[in-house]
N, C-alpha and C. Protein backbone atom coordinates (compact mmCIF):
# COMPACT_ATOMS: atom_id res chain seq x y z
N MET A 1 -12.54 -24.90 -16.15
CA MET A 1 -11.80 -25.80 -15.29
C MET A 1 -10.31 -25.46 -15.29
N ASP A 2 -9.76 -25.17 -16.47
CA ASP A 2 -8.35 -24.81 -16.56
C ASP A 2 -8.03 -23.58 -15.73
N GLU A 3 -8.94 -22.63 -15.74
CA GLU A 3 -8.73 -21.39 -14.98
C GLU A 3 -8.66 -21.67 -13.48
N ILE A 4 -9.49 -22.57 -13.01
CA ILE A 4 -9.48 -22.93 -11.58
C ILE A 4 -8.15 -23.60 -11.21
N VAL A 5 -7.71 -24.54 -12.04
CA VAL A 5 -6.45 -25.23 -11.78
C VAL A 5 -5.29 -24.23 -11.80
N THR A 6 -5.31 -23.34 -12.78
CA THR A 6 -4.25 -22.33 -12.87
C THR A 6 -4.23 -21.44 -11.64
N ARG A 7 -5.40 -20.99 -11.22
CA ARG A 7 -5.48 -20.12 -10.04
C ARG A 7 -4.97 -20.84 -8.80
N TRP A 8 -5.38 -22.09 -8.61
CA TRP A 8 -4.93 -22.85 -7.45
C TRP A 8 -3.43 -23.12 -7.50
N THR A 9 -2.93 -23.39 -8.68
CA THR A 9 -1.50 -23.66 -8.83
C THR A 9 -0.68 -22.42 -8.47
N TYR A 10 -1.11 -21.26 -8.96
CA TYR A 10 -0.41 -20.03 -8.61
C TYR A 10 -0.51 -19.73 -7.11
N THR A 11 -1.67 -20.02 -6.53
CA THR A 11 -1.85 -19.80 -5.09
C THR A 11 -0.90 -20.69 -4.28
N ILE A 12 -0.82 -21.96 -4.66
CA ILE A 12 0.07 -22.88 -3.95
C ILE A 12 1.53 -22.45 -4.12
N ALA A 13 1.90 -22.04 -5.34
CA ALA A 13 3.27 -21.58 -5.58
C ALA A 13 3.59 -20.34 -4.74
N THR A 14 2.64 -19.44 -4.62
CA THR A 14 2.83 -18.24 -3.80
C THR A 14 2.97 -18.61 -2.33
N LEU A 15 2.17 -19.56 -1.86
CA LEU A 15 2.27 -20.01 -0.47
C LEU A 15 3.62 -20.69 -0.21
N LEU A 16 4.09 -21.48 -1.16
CA LEU A 16 5.41 -22.11 -1.01
C LEU A 16 6.52 -21.06 -0.94
N THR A 17 6.42 -20.04 -1.77
CA THR A 17 7.41 -18.97 -1.75
C THR A 17 7.37 -18.22 -0.43
N ALA A 18 6.16 -17.93 0.04
CA ALA A 18 6.01 -17.23 1.32
C ALA A 18 6.58 -18.08 2.46
N PHE A 19 6.29 -19.37 2.45
CA PHE A 19 6.81 -20.26 3.48
C PHE A 19 8.33 -20.31 3.43
N ALA A 20 8.89 -20.39 2.23
CA ALA A 20 10.35 -20.42 2.08
C ALA A 20 10.97 -19.13 2.61
N THR A 21 10.32 -18.01 2.36
CA THR A 21 10.81 -16.72 2.84
C THR A 21 10.80 -16.67 4.36
N ILE A 22 9.71 -17.13 4.95
CA ILE A 22 9.61 -17.15 6.42
C ILE A 22 10.66 -18.09 7.01
N LEU A 23 10.82 -19.26 6.40
CA LEU A 23 11.80 -20.22 6.87
C LEU A 23 13.22 -19.67 6.77
N ALA A 24 13.51 -18.98 5.67
CA ALA A 24 14.83 -18.37 5.51
C ALA A 24 15.06 -17.29 6.56
N ALA A 25 14.04 -16.49 6.81
CA ALA A 25 14.17 -15.42 7.81
C ALA A 25 14.38 -16.00 9.21
N LEU A 26 13.59 -17.01 9.57
CA LEU A 26 13.71 -17.60 10.90
C LEU A 26 15.05 -18.32 11.09
N SER A 27 15.48 -19.04 10.07
CA SER A 27 16.76 -19.74 10.21
C SER A 27 17.92 -18.75 10.23
N SER A 28 17.80 -17.65 9.51
CA SER A 28 18.84 -16.61 9.54
C SER A 28 18.88 -15.94 10.92
N LEU A 29 17.71 -15.70 11.47
CA LEU A 29 17.64 -15.10 12.81
C LEU A 29 18.26 -16.05 13.84
N GLU A 30 17.92 -17.33 13.74
CA GLU A 30 18.50 -18.30 14.67
C GLU A 30 20.02 -18.34 14.54
N ALA A 31 20.52 -18.38 13.30
CA ALA A 31 21.97 -18.43 13.07
C ALA A 31 22.64 -17.16 13.59
N ALA A 32 21.98 -16.02 13.43
CA ALA A 32 22.55 -14.76 13.92
C ALA A 32 22.64 -14.75 15.44
N VAL A 33 21.58 -15.20 16.10
CA VAL A 33 21.57 -15.23 17.57
C VAL A 33 22.62 -16.21 18.07
N ARG A 34 22.67 -17.40 17.48
CA ARG A 34 23.67 -18.39 17.90
C ARG A 34 25.09 -17.90 17.63
N SER A 35 25.28 -17.15 16.54
CA SER A 35 26.59 -16.59 16.22
C SER A 35 27.00 -15.54 17.23
N LEU A 36 26.06 -14.70 17.63
CA LEU A 36 26.35 -13.68 18.63
C LEU A 36 26.73 -14.31 19.97
N ILE A 37 26.03 -15.36 20.33
CA ILE A 37 26.35 -16.07 21.57
C ILE A 37 27.75 -16.68 21.48
N ALA A 38 28.07 -17.30 20.34
CA ALA A 38 29.40 -17.89 20.15
C ALA A 38 30.47 -16.79 20.15
N PHE A 39 30.16 -15.65 19.57
CA PHE A 39 31.11 -14.54 19.52
C PHE A 39 31.38 -14.01 20.92
N ALA A 40 30.36 -14.01 21.77
CA ALA A 40 30.50 -13.51 23.13
C ALA A 40 31.42 -14.41 23.97
N LYS A 41 31.59 -15.64 23.56
CA LYS A 41 32.44 -16.59 24.27
C LYS A 41 33.83 -16.63 23.62
N LEU A 42 34.45 -15.48 23.49
CA LEU A 42 35.73 -15.37 22.78
C LEU A 42 36.83 -16.23 23.35
N GLY A 43 36.86 -16.39 24.66
CA GLY A 43 37.95 -17.13 25.27
C GLY A 43 37.78 -18.64 25.18
N GLN A 44 36.65 -19.09 24.67
CA GLN A 44 36.39 -20.53 24.64
C GLN A 44 36.65 -21.12 23.26
N ASP A 45 36.59 -22.42 23.20
CA ASP A 45 36.76 -23.15 21.94
C ASP A 45 35.62 -22.80 20.99
N HIS A 46 35.92 -22.64 19.70
CA HIS A 46 34.90 -22.22 18.74
C HIS A 46 34.42 -23.35 17.83
N ARG A 47 34.41 -24.56 18.35
CA ARG A 47 33.86 -25.67 17.56
C ARG A 47 32.37 -25.47 17.30
N GLY A 48 31.71 -24.70 18.12
CA GLY A 48 30.29 -24.44 17.96
C GLY A 48 29.95 -23.69 16.69
N ILE A 49 30.91 -22.98 16.13
CA ILE A 49 30.66 -22.23 14.89
C ILE A 49 30.35 -23.20 13.75
N GLN A 50 31.05 -24.31 13.69
CA GLN A 50 30.78 -25.30 12.65
C GLN A 50 29.36 -25.85 12.79
N ALA A 51 28.92 -26.06 14.02
CA ALA A 51 27.56 -26.54 14.24
C ALA A 51 26.53 -25.52 13.77
N ILE A 52 26.82 -24.25 13.98
CA ILE A 52 25.91 -23.19 13.52
C ILE A 52 25.83 -23.21 11.99
N ARG A 53 26.99 -23.27 11.34
CA ARG A 53 27.02 -23.31 9.87
C ARG A 53 26.30 -24.54 9.33
N TRP A 54 26.50 -25.68 10.00
CA TRP A 54 25.88 -26.92 9.57
C TRP A 54 24.36 -26.81 9.63
N ARG A 55 23.85 -26.35 10.76
CA ARG A 55 22.40 -26.24 10.93
C ARG A 55 21.81 -25.22 9.97
N TYR A 56 22.47 -24.08 9.84
CA TYR A 56 22.00 -23.02 8.95
C TYR A 56 22.00 -23.51 7.49
N GLY A 57 23.04 -24.20 7.10
CA GLY A 57 23.11 -24.73 5.74
C GLY A 57 22.01 -25.73 5.45
N ARG A 58 21.68 -26.56 6.42
CA ARG A 58 20.59 -27.52 6.25
C ARG A 58 19.27 -26.81 6.02
N TRP A 59 19.01 -25.76 6.79
CA TRP A 59 17.77 -25.00 6.61
C TRP A 59 17.73 -24.31 5.25
N LEU A 60 18.86 -23.73 4.84
CA LEU A 60 18.88 -23.05 3.54
C LEU A 60 18.69 -24.02 2.39
N THR A 61 19.19 -25.23 2.52
CA THR A 61 18.97 -26.25 1.50
C THR A 61 17.48 -26.56 1.39
N LEU A 62 16.80 -26.66 2.50
CA LEU A 62 15.36 -26.90 2.49
C LEU A 62 14.61 -25.72 1.87
N VAL A 63 15.03 -24.51 2.19
CA VAL A 63 14.42 -23.31 1.60
C VAL A 63 14.53 -23.36 0.07
N LEU A 64 15.71 -23.70 -0.44
CA LEU A 64 15.90 -23.78 -1.89
C LEU A 64 15.00 -24.84 -2.51
N ASP A 65 14.79 -25.94 -1.83
CA ASP A 65 13.88 -26.97 -2.34
C ASP A 65 12.46 -26.45 -2.47
N PHE A 66 12.00 -25.70 -1.48
CA PHE A 66 10.65 -25.11 -1.55
C PHE A 66 10.56 -24.11 -2.71
N LEU A 67 11.60 -23.31 -2.90
CA LEU A 67 11.59 -22.33 -3.98
C LEU A 67 11.60 -22.99 -5.36
N ILE A 68 12.33 -24.08 -5.50
CA ILE A 68 12.32 -24.82 -6.76
C ILE A 68 10.93 -25.38 -7.04
N ALA A 69 10.28 -25.92 -6.02
CA ALA A 69 8.93 -26.45 -6.18
C ALA A 69 7.97 -25.35 -6.63
N ALA A 70 8.08 -24.17 -6.04
CA ALA A 70 7.22 -23.05 -6.41
C ALA A 70 7.46 -22.64 -7.87
N ASP A 71 8.72 -22.61 -8.29
CA ASP A 71 9.04 -22.26 -9.67
C ASP A 71 8.49 -23.28 -10.66
N ILE A 72 8.59 -24.54 -10.32
CA ILE A 72 8.06 -25.60 -11.19
C ILE A 72 6.55 -25.45 -11.33
N LEU A 73 5.86 -25.20 -10.23
CA LEU A 73 4.41 -25.04 -10.30
C LEU A 73 4.02 -23.84 -11.17
N ARG A 74 4.72 -22.74 -11.00
CA ARG A 74 4.39 -21.54 -11.79
C ARG A 74 4.57 -21.79 -13.29
N SER A 75 5.62 -22.47 -13.64
CA SER A 75 5.88 -22.67 -15.07
C SER A 75 5.03 -23.80 -15.65
N ALA A 76 4.48 -24.67 -14.80
CA ALA A 76 3.69 -25.80 -15.27
C ALA A 76 2.34 -25.37 -15.84
N VAL A 77 1.81 -24.26 -15.37
CA VAL A 77 0.47 -23.87 -15.80
C VAL A 77 0.46 -22.99 -17.05
N ALA A 78 1.54 -22.29 -17.33
CA ALA A 78 1.58 -21.42 -18.50
C ALA A 78 2.97 -21.41 -19.11
N PRO A 79 3.39 -22.57 -19.61
CA PRO A 79 4.78 -22.62 -20.08
C PRO A 79 4.97 -21.98 -21.46
N SER A 80 5.84 -21.02 -21.52
CA SER A 80 6.32 -20.50 -22.79
C SER A 80 7.79 -20.90 -22.86
N TRP A 81 8.38 -20.83 -24.02
CA TRP A 81 9.79 -21.21 -24.14
C TRP A 81 10.67 -20.32 -23.29
N THR A 82 10.31 -19.06 -23.18
CA THR A 82 11.08 -18.15 -22.35
C THR A 82 11.00 -18.56 -20.89
N GLU A 83 9.77 -18.87 -20.42
CA GLU A 83 9.60 -19.28 -19.03
C GLU A 83 10.29 -20.61 -18.74
N ILE A 84 10.24 -21.53 -19.72
CA ILE A 84 10.91 -22.82 -19.53
C ILE A 84 12.42 -22.61 -19.43
N GLY A 85 12.96 -21.75 -20.26
CA GLY A 85 14.40 -21.45 -20.21
C GLY A 85 14.78 -20.79 -18.90
N GLN A 86 13.97 -19.85 -18.45
CA GLN A 86 14.24 -19.19 -17.18
C GLN A 86 14.15 -20.18 -16.03
N LEU A 87 13.13 -21.04 -16.07
CA LEU A 87 12.99 -22.05 -15.03
C LEU A 87 14.20 -22.98 -15.01
N GLY A 88 14.64 -23.39 -16.20
CA GLY A 88 15.81 -24.25 -16.28
C GLY A 88 17.04 -23.60 -15.67
N ALA A 89 17.25 -22.32 -15.98
CA ALA A 89 18.40 -21.60 -15.42
C ALA A 89 18.28 -21.48 -13.91
N ILE A 90 17.09 -21.16 -13.43
CA ILE A 90 16.87 -21.02 -11.99
C ILE A 90 17.12 -22.35 -11.27
N ILE A 91 16.59 -23.43 -11.85
CA ILE A 91 16.76 -24.74 -11.22
C ILE A 91 18.23 -25.14 -11.21
N VAL A 92 18.93 -24.89 -12.30
CA VAL A 92 20.36 -25.22 -12.34
C VAL A 92 21.12 -24.45 -11.27
N LEU A 93 20.86 -23.15 -11.16
CA LEU A 93 21.56 -22.33 -10.16
C LEU A 93 21.22 -22.78 -8.74
N ARG A 94 19.94 -22.99 -8.47
CA ARG A 94 19.55 -23.39 -7.12
C ARG A 94 20.05 -24.79 -6.79
N THR A 95 20.05 -25.68 -7.77
CA THR A 95 20.57 -27.02 -7.54
C THR A 95 22.07 -26.97 -7.27
N LEU A 96 22.78 -26.13 -8.00
CA LEU A 96 24.22 -25.97 -7.78
C LEU A 96 24.49 -25.44 -6.37
N ILE A 97 23.70 -24.47 -5.94
CA ILE A 97 23.84 -23.93 -4.59
C ILE A 97 23.53 -25.01 -3.56
N THR A 98 22.45 -25.76 -3.78
CA THR A 98 22.07 -26.84 -2.87
C THR A 98 23.17 -27.89 -2.81
N PHE A 99 23.73 -28.26 -3.96
CA PHE A 99 24.82 -29.24 -4.00
C PHE A 99 26.02 -28.75 -3.21
N THR A 100 26.38 -27.48 -3.41
CA THR A 100 27.52 -26.90 -2.72
C THR A 100 27.27 -26.87 -1.21
N LEU A 101 26.07 -26.44 -0.81
CA LEU A 101 25.74 -26.43 0.61
C LEU A 101 25.77 -27.83 1.20
N SER A 102 25.20 -28.80 0.48
CA SER A 102 25.17 -30.17 0.98
C SER A 102 26.57 -30.74 1.14
N LYS A 103 27.43 -30.45 0.17
CA LYS A 103 28.82 -30.92 0.26
C LYS A 103 29.51 -30.31 1.47
N GLU A 104 29.30 -29.02 1.67
CA GLU A 104 29.92 -28.33 2.80
C GLU A 104 29.36 -28.87 4.12
N ILE A 105 28.06 -29.13 4.14
CA ILE A 105 27.43 -29.66 5.35
C ILE A 105 28.02 -31.02 5.70
N LYS A 106 28.19 -31.89 4.70
CA LYS A 106 28.76 -33.22 4.94
C LYS A 106 30.18 -33.13 5.46
N GLU A 107 30.95 -32.19 4.93
CA GLU A 107 32.34 -32.02 5.36
C GLU A 107 32.44 -31.45 6.76
N GLU A 108 31.43 -30.71 7.18
CA GLU A 108 31.52 -30.01 8.47
C GLU A 108 30.51 -30.50 9.48
N THR A 109 30.06 -31.74 9.33
CA THR A 109 29.10 -32.29 10.27
C THR A 109 29.66 -32.21 11.69
N PRO A 110 28.91 -31.58 12.60
CA PRO A 110 29.41 -31.46 13.97
C PRO A 110 29.48 -32.81 14.67
N GLN A 111 30.34 -32.91 15.65
CA GLN A 111 30.54 -34.15 16.38
C GLN A 111 29.25 -34.67 16.99
N SER A 112 28.41 -33.75 17.47
CA SER A 112 27.17 -34.17 18.14
C SER A 112 26.21 -34.83 17.16
N ALA A 113 26.27 -34.47 15.87
CA ALA A 113 25.36 -35.06 14.90
C ALA A 113 25.81 -36.45 14.48
N SER A 114 27.09 -36.74 14.57
CA SER A 114 27.58 -38.05 14.16
C SER A 114 27.52 -39.06 15.29
N SER A 115 27.28 -38.63 16.51
CA SER A 115 27.24 -39.54 17.67
C SER A 115 25.88 -40.17 17.82
């Protein structure tokens, strides 16, 4: 029974990582396309850049949440002290990045999102 739970847990963690990777790639592609469009409008107001950063940051925050969940699942089935320490370091770093992104997102909320 333990082997089945372990196998399923690793499978779910792998799927979460794959989903996070796809989400990061798609949101990066969207941000790149929107940035190119904004860059092409050189003579116009560039308030749209903040909206791009805001949206991109929100997606990256979600990606980090999925990656943290995957790490927790992986370490839950076969925890060694080394793995627990590594997980702790990873979670601290990703949480710090998420906090920083969230703070920046709140500071740069576009006008359209607050209306």
